[in-house]
Amino acid sequence: MYRIFCESYDNYISQYYDTAFQNEYRFKLTKPLKLIRDPEEYKAGEKNNTLEYRQLRDLLFYMQKQIEIYPKLKAFLWTLESRGLKGHYYGIVPEEDLIEQVKLVNMFLNLLYWDNKTCN
């Protein structure tokens, strides 16, 4: 699951390499997700209690509550917890953003952005 997420995330983000698109809503939604992709960045965010770190923890908390709607989240969250990434409610992310982020993660897990790259 983690590898699928990483490869799909990379492929999705590659659409936004042109800085003209980096202010788009869907790109902004992915900013906290990069902490899943990069464990070192996650650790730095945790140490400094960054906004993106707290946003990701809000998302992970919200995802836990969405397992019945998106069953693949269960295995994915288990994989993240085994890596030390756990949800916590901060209440800083608007629910509409959380809904869209969960949909995006679900698309990643359903291989909509899959390619044959490598993920550490």
N, C-alpha and C. Protein backbone atom coordinates (compact mmCIF):
# COMPACT_ATOMS: atom_id res chain seq x y z
N MET A 1 0.82 -1.20 0.00
CA MET A 1 0.00 0.00 0.00
C MET A 1 0.87 1.27 0.00
N TYR A 2 1.91 1.25 0.82
CA TYR A 2 2.76 2.43 0.92
C TYR A 2 3.42 2.73 -0.43
N ARG A 3 3.91 1.69 -1.06
CA ARG A 3 4.56 1.88 -2.36
C ARG A 3 3.57 2.42 -3.39
N ILE A 4 2.37 1.89 -3.39
CA ILE A 4 1.33 2.37 -4.30
C ILE A 4 1.07 3.86 -4.06
N PHE A 5 0.95 4.23 -2.79
CA PHE A 5 0.72 5.63 -2.45
C PHE A 5 1.87 6.50 -2.97
N CYS A 6 3.09 6.08 -2.67
CA CYS A 6 4.26 6.89 -3.04
C CYS A 6 4.36 7.09 -4.54
N GLU A 7 4.23 6.01 -5.29
CA GLU A 7 4.34 6.13 -6.74
C GLU A 7 3.20 6.98 -7.30
N SER A 8 2.01 6.76 -6.79
CA SER A 8 0.86 7.53 -7.27
C SER A 8 1.00 9.00 -6.90
N TYR A 9 1.47 9.27 -5.70
CA TYR A 9 1.70 10.65 -5.27
C TYR A 9 2.70 11.33 -6.20
N ASP A 10 3.81 10.66 -6.46
CA ASP A 10 4.83 11.23 -7.34
C ASP A 10 4.26 11.54 -8.73
N ASN A 11 3.48 10.61 -9.25
CA ASN A 11 2.89 10.80 -10.57
C ASN A 11 1.88 11.94 -10.56
N TYR A 12 1.11 12.03 -9.52
CA TYR A 12 0.13 13.10 -9.42
C TYR A 12 0.83 14.46 -9.33
N ILE A 13 1.82 14.56 -8.48
CA ILE A 13 2.56 15.82 -8.27
C ILE A 13 3.29 16.24 -9.54
N SER A 14 3.70 15.30 -10.35
CA SER A 14 4.44 15.65 -11.56
C SER A 14 3.62 16.54 -12.50
N GLN A 15 2.31 16.52 -12.35
CA GLN A 15 1.46 17.40 -13.16
C GLN A 15 1.66 18.88 -12.81
N TYR A 16 2.19 19.13 -11.63
CA TYR A 16 2.26 20.48 -11.10
C TYR A 16 3.69 21.04 -11.06
N TYR A 17 4.60 20.43 -11.80
CA TYR A 17 5.97 20.94 -11.79
C TYR A 17 6.05 22.36 -12.34
N ASP A 18 5.19 22.70 -13.24
CA ASP A 18 5.12 24.07 -13.74
C ASP A 18 4.58 24.95 -12.61
N THR A 19 5.35 25.93 -12.19
CA THR A 19 4.96 26.76 -11.05
C THR A 19 3.65 27.51 -11.28
N ALA A 20 3.22 27.64 -12.50
CA ALA A 20 1.96 28.32 -12.79
C ALA A 20 0.77 27.56 -12.20
N PHE A 21 0.92 26.26 -11.98
CA PHE A 21 -0.18 25.44 -11.47
C PHE A 21 -0.10 25.21 -9.96
N GLN A 22 0.93 25.69 -9.31
CA GLN A 22 1.13 25.36 -7.91
C GLN A 22 0.24 26.15 -6.95
N ASN A 23 -0.57 27.05 -7.44
CA ASN A 23 -1.54 27.72 -6.59
C ASN A 23 -2.93 27.10 -6.72
N GLU A 24 -3.05 26.06 -7.51
CA GLU A 24 -4.33 25.41 -7.69
C GLU A 24 -4.74 24.65 -6.43
N TYR A 25 -6.03 24.62 -6.19
CA TYR A 25 -6.60 24.00 -4.99
C TYR A 25 -6.15 22.56 -4.82
N ARG A 26 -6.23 21.74 -5.87
CA ARG A 26 -5.88 20.33 -5.77
C ARG A 26 -4.40 20.13 -5.45
N PHE A 27 -3.56 21.02 -5.92
CA PHE A 27 -2.14 20.92 -5.57
C PHE A 27 -1.94 21.28 -4.10
N LYS A 28 -2.59 22.33 -3.65
CA LYS A 28 -2.45 22.73 -2.25
C LYS A 28 -2.91 21.64 -1.30
N LEU A 29 -3.91 20.88 -1.71
CA LEU A 29 -4.39 19.78 -0.88
C LEU A 29 -3.33 18.71 -0.65
N THR A 30 -2.40 18.60 -1.57
CA THR A 30 -1.40 17.53 -1.47
C THR A 30 -0.21 17.89 -0.58
N LYS A 31 -0.09 19.14 -0.19
CA LYS A 31 1.09 19.54 0.58
C LYS A 31 1.33 18.69 1.83
N PRO A 32 0.32 18.44 2.66
CA PRO A 32 0.57 17.58 3.82
C PRO A 32 0.91 16.14 3.44
N LEU A 33 0.43 15.68 2.29
CA LEU A 33 0.68 14.31 1.86
C LEU A 33 2.15 14.04 1.58
N LYS A 34 2.89 15.08 1.28
CA LYS A 34 4.32 14.86 0.99
C LYS A 34 5.05 14.34 2.23
N LEU A 35 4.50 14.58 3.41
CA LEU A 35 5.12 14.07 4.63
C LEU A 35 5.00 12.55 4.72
N ILE A 36 3.97 12.00 4.11
CA ILE A 36 3.86 10.54 4.04
C ILE A 36 4.94 10.01 3.12
N ARG A 37 5.14 10.69 2.02
CA ARG A 37 6.10 10.28 0.99
C ARG A 37 7.55 10.38 1.47
N ASP A 38 7.82 11.32 2.35
CA ASP A 38 9.20 11.58 2.78
C ASP A 38 9.31 11.47 4.30
N PRO A 39 9.73 10.30 4.80
CA PRO A 39 9.82 10.10 6.26
C PRO A 39 10.72 11.11 6.97
N GLU A 40 11.76 11.56 6.32
CA GLU A 40 12.64 12.55 6.95
C GLU A 40 11.92 13.89 7.12
N GLU A 41 11.14 14.25 6.12
CA GLU A 41 10.37 15.49 6.21
C GLU A 41 9.28 15.37 7.29
N TYR A 42 8.73 14.17 7.42
CA TYR A 42 7.74 13.93 8.48
C TYR A 42 8.39 14.14 9.85
N LYS A 43 9.57 13.56 10.04
CA LYS A 43 10.26 13.70 11.32
C LYS A 43 10.60 15.16 11.62
N ALA A 44 11.02 15.89 10.60
CA ALA A 44 11.31 17.32 10.78
C ALA A 44 10.04 18.08 11.14
N GLY A 45 8.94 17.75 10.46
CA GLY A 45 7.67 18.39 10.76
C GLY A 45 7.20 18.09 12.16
N GLU A 46 7.42 16.86 12.59
CA GLU A 46 7.05 16.46 13.96
C GLU A 46 7.89 17.23 14.98
N LYS A 47 9.17 17.30 14.73
CA LYS A 47 10.08 17.99 15.65
C LYS A 47 9.71 19.47 15.79
N ASN A 48 9.36 20.10 14.67
CA ASN A 48 9.06 21.53 14.66
C ASN A 48 7.56 21.84 14.76
N ASN A 49 6.75 20.78 14.85
CA ASN A 49 5.30 20.93 14.95
C ASN A 49 4.77 21.88 13.86
N THR A 50 5.16 21.60 12.61
CA THR A 50 4.80 22.47 11.49
C THR A 50 3.31 22.38 11.17
N LEU A 51 2.84 23.34 10.42
CA LEU A 51 1.45 23.37 9.99
C LEU A 51 1.14 22.14 9.15
N GLU A 52 2.01 21.79 8.22
CA GLU A 52 1.77 20.63 7.37
C GLU A 52 1.72 19.35 8.19
N TYR A 53 2.54 19.24 9.21
CA TYR A 53 2.53 18.08 10.10
C TYR A 53 1.18 17.98 10.81
N ARG A 54 0.69 19.08 11.34
CA ARG A 54 -0.60 19.07 12.04
C ARG A 54 -1.74 18.82 11.06
N GLN A 55 -1.63 19.35 9.84
CA GLN A 55 -2.65 19.09 8.83
C GLN A 55 -2.70 17.60 8.47
N LEU A 56 -1.53 16.99 8.34
CA LEU A 56 -1.49 15.57 8.02
C LEU A 56 -2.10 14.75 9.15
N ARG A 57 -1.79 15.09 10.36
CA ARG A 57 -2.35 14.34 11.50
C ARG A 57 -3.86 14.50 11.58
N ASP A 58 -4.36 15.69 11.25
CA ASP A 58 -5.81 15.89 11.14
C ASP A 58 -6.39 14.95 10.08
N LEU A 59 -5.72 14.90 8.93
CA LEU A 59 -6.19 14.04 7.84
C LEU A 59 -6.19 12.58 8.26
N LEU A 60 -5.12 12.11 8.88
CA LEU A 60 -5.04 10.71 9.29
C LEU A 60 -6.14 10.38 10.30
N PHE A 61 -6.42 11.30 11.19
CA PHE A 61 -7.50 11.14 12.15
C PHE A 61 -8.84 11.02 11.41
N TYR A 62 -9.06 11.89 10.45
CA TYR A 62 -10.29 11.89 9.66
C TYR A 62 -10.40 10.61 8.83
N MET A 63 -9.30 10.16 8.26
CA MET A 63 -9.30 8.95 7.45
C MET A 63 -9.75 7.75 8.27
N GLN A 64 -9.35 7.70 9.51
CA GLN A 64 -9.74 6.59 10.39
C GLN A 64 -11.27 6.50 10.48
N LYS A 65 -11.91 7.63 10.46
CA LYS A 65 -13.37 7.68 10.55
C LYS A 65 -14.06 7.40 9.21
N GLN A 66 -13.30 7.29 8.14
CA GLN A 66 -13.85 7.08 6.80
C GLN A 66 -13.64 5.66 6.28
N ILE A 67 -13.19 4.76 7.12
CA ILE A 67 -12.86 3.40 6.69
C ILE A 67 -14.07 2.67 6.11
N GLU A 68 -15.24 2.89 6.67
CA GLU A 68 -16.42 2.20 6.14
C GLU A 68 -16.73 2.65 4.72
N ILE A 69 -16.49 3.91 4.43
CA ILE A 69 -16.75 4.43 3.09
C ILE A 69 -15.63 4.04 2.12
N TYR A 70 -14.39 4.09 2.62
CA TYR A 70 -13.21 3.78 1.80
C TYR A 70 -12.43 2.66 2.49
N PRO A 71 -12.80 1.39 2.29
CA PRO A 71 -12.20 0.26 3.01
C PRO A 71 -10.69 0.12 2.85
N LYS A 72 -10.13 0.57 1.72
CA LYS A 72 -8.68 0.44 1.53
C LYS A 72 -7.89 1.29 2.52
N LEU A 73 -8.55 2.27 3.10
CA LEU A 73 -7.86 3.11 4.08
C LEU A 73 -7.40 2.32 5.29
N LYS A 74 -8.13 1.28 5.64
CA LYS A 74 -7.78 0.50 6.83
C LYS A 74 -6.36 -0.06 6.73
N ALA A 75 -6.08 -0.74 5.64
CA ALA A 75 -4.75 -1.32 5.45
C ALA A 75 -3.69 -0.23 5.30
N PHE A 76 -4.05 0.84 4.60
CA PHE A 76 -3.11 1.94 4.41
C PHE A 76 -2.76 2.60 5.74
N LEU A 77 -3.76 2.86 6.56
CA LEU A 77 -3.50 3.48 7.87
C LEU A 77 -2.68 2.55 8.76
N TRP A 78 -2.92 1.26 8.66
CA TRP A 78 -2.12 0.31 9.43
C TRP A 78 -0.66 0.39 8.99
N THR A 79 -0.44 0.48 7.68
CA THR A 79 0.92 0.61 7.15
C THR A 79 1.59 1.89 7.67
N LEU A 80 0.83 2.99 7.69
CA LEU A 80 1.39 4.25 8.17
C LEU A 80 1.68 4.19 9.66
N GLU A 81 0.78 3.58 10.43
CA GLU A 81 1.01 3.46 11.87
C GLU A 81 2.26 2.64 12.16
N SER A 82 2.51 1.63 11.35
CA SER A 82 3.71 0.82 11.54
C SER A 82 4.98 1.63 11.25
N ARG A 83 4.82 2.74 10.55
CA ARG A 83 5.93 3.65 10.26
C ARG A 83 5.96 4.84 11.22
N GLY A 84 5.06 4.83 12.20
CA GLY A 84 5.04 5.90 13.20
C GLY A 84 4.17 7.09 12.83
N LEU A 85 3.38 6.99 11.78
CA LEU A 85 2.50 8.09 11.37
C LEU A 85 1.10 7.80 11.88
N LYS A 86 0.64 8.60 12.81
CA LYS A 86 -0.67 8.39 13.42
C LYS A 86 -1.47 9.68 13.38
N GLY A 87 -2.77 9.52 13.36
CA GLY A 87 -3.66 10.66 13.35
C GLY A 87 -3.83 11.29 14.72
N HIS A 88 -4.19 12.54 14.69
CA HIS A 88 -4.50 13.29 15.91
C HIS A 88 -5.40 14.45 15.49
N TYR A 89 -6.41 14.71 16.27
CA TYR A 89 -7.33 15.77 15.93
C TYR A 89 -6.81 17.12 16.42
N TYR A 90 -6.51 18.01 15.47
CA TYR A 90 -6.16 19.39 15.78
C TYR A 90 -7.30 20.34 15.41
N GLY A 91 -8.11 19.93 14.44
CA GLY A 91 -9.23 20.75 14.01
C GLY A 91 -8.85 21.96 13.18
N ILE A 92 -7.73 21.88 12.48
CA ILE A 92 -7.27 23.04 11.72
C ILE A 92 -7.57 22.94 10.23
N VAL A 93 -7.98 21.76 9.77
CA VAL A 93 -8.26 21.57 8.35
C VAL A 93 -9.78 21.59 8.14
N PRO A 94 -10.26 22.43 7.24
CA PRO A 94 -11.71 22.44 6.96
C PRO A 94 -12.18 21.07 6.47
N GLU A 95 -13.38 20.69 6.86
CA GLU A 95 -13.89 19.37 6.49
C GLU A 95 -13.93 19.18 4.98
N GLU A 96 -14.26 20.22 4.23
CA GLU A 96 -14.30 20.07 2.77
C GLU A 96 -12.92 19.70 2.22
N ASP A 97 -11.87 20.23 2.81
CA ASP A 97 -10.51 19.86 2.39
C ASP A 97 -10.21 18.40 2.76
N LEU A 98 -10.61 18.00 3.97
CA LEU A 98 -10.39 16.61 4.40
C LEU A 98 -11.11 15.64 3.47
N ILE A 99 -12.33 15.97 3.10
CA ILE A 99 -13.10 15.12 2.18
C ILE A 99 -12.36 14.97 0.86
N GLU A 100 -11.87 16.07 0.32
CA GLU A 100 -11.15 16.03 -0.96
C GLU A 100 -9.82 15.29 -0.83
N GLN A 101 -9.13 15.46 0.28
CA GLN A 101 -7.86 14.76 0.49
C GLN A 101 -8.08 13.25 0.58
N VAL A 102 -9.14 12.84 1.27
CA VAL A 102 -9.43 11.41 1.38
C VAL A 102 -9.77 10.85 0.01
N LYS A 103 -10.54 11.58 -0.78
CA LYS A 103 -10.85 11.12 -2.13
C LYS A 103 -9.57 10.96 -2.95
N LEU A 104 -8.66 11.89 -2.81
CA LEU A 104 -7.39 11.84 -3.54
C LEU A 104 -6.56 10.63 -3.11
N VAL A 105 -6.43 10.43 -1.80
CA VAL A 105 -5.69 9.28 -1.30
C VAL A 105 -6.34 7.99 -1.80
N ASN A 106 -7.65 7.94 -1.78
CA ASN A 106 -8.35 6.75 -2.27
C ASN A 106 -8.06 6.52 -3.76
N MET A 107 -8.01 7.59 -4.54
CA MET A 107 -7.65 7.45 -5.96
C MET A 107 -6.23 6.89 -6.09
N PHE A 108 -5.32 7.35 -5.25
CA PHE A 108 -3.96 6.82 -5.28
C PHE A 108 -3.99 5.32 -5.00
N LEU A 109 -4.71 4.93 -3.96
CA LEU A 109 -4.76 3.51 -3.57
C LEU A 109 -5.48 2.65 -4.60
N ASN A 110 -6.34 3.27 -5.39
CA ASN A 110 -7.04 2.55 -6.47
C ASN A 110 -6.28 2.59 -7.79
N LEU A 111 -5.04 3.03 -7.74
CA LEU A 111 -4.10 2.98 -8.87
C LEU A 111 -4.43 3.93 -10.01
N LEU A 112 -5.19 4.97 -9.73
CA LEU A 112 -5.52 5.92 -10.79
C LEU A 112 -4.30 6.68 -11.29
N TYR A 113 -3.28 6.81 -10.45
CA TYR A 113 -2.06 7.53 -10.84
C TYR A 113 -0.84 6.61 -10.79
N TRP A 114 -1.06 5.33 -10.91
CA TRP A 114 -0.01 4.33 -10.79
C TRP A 114 0.94 4.38 -11.98
N ASP A 115 2.21 4.15 -11.70
CA ASP A 115 3.23 4.00 -12.73
C ASP A 115 4.25 3.03 -12.15
N ASN A 116 5.25 2.68 -12.90
CA ASN A 116 6.19 1.67 -12.47
C ASN A 116 7.50 2.29 -11.99
N LYS A 117 7.39 3.18 -11.01
CA LYS A 117 8.57 3.81 -10.42
C LYS A 117 8.90 3.13 -9.10
N THR A 118 9.97 3.55 -8.48
CA THR A 118 10.37 2.96 -7.22
C THR A 118 10.10 3.92 -6.08
N CYS A 119 9.71 3.38 -4.95
CA CYS A 119 9.45 4.16 -3.74
C CYS A 119 10.21 3.51 -2.59
N ASN A 120 10.92 4.31 -1.82
CA ASN A 120 11.69 3.76 -0.69
C ASN A 120 10.80 3.45 0.47
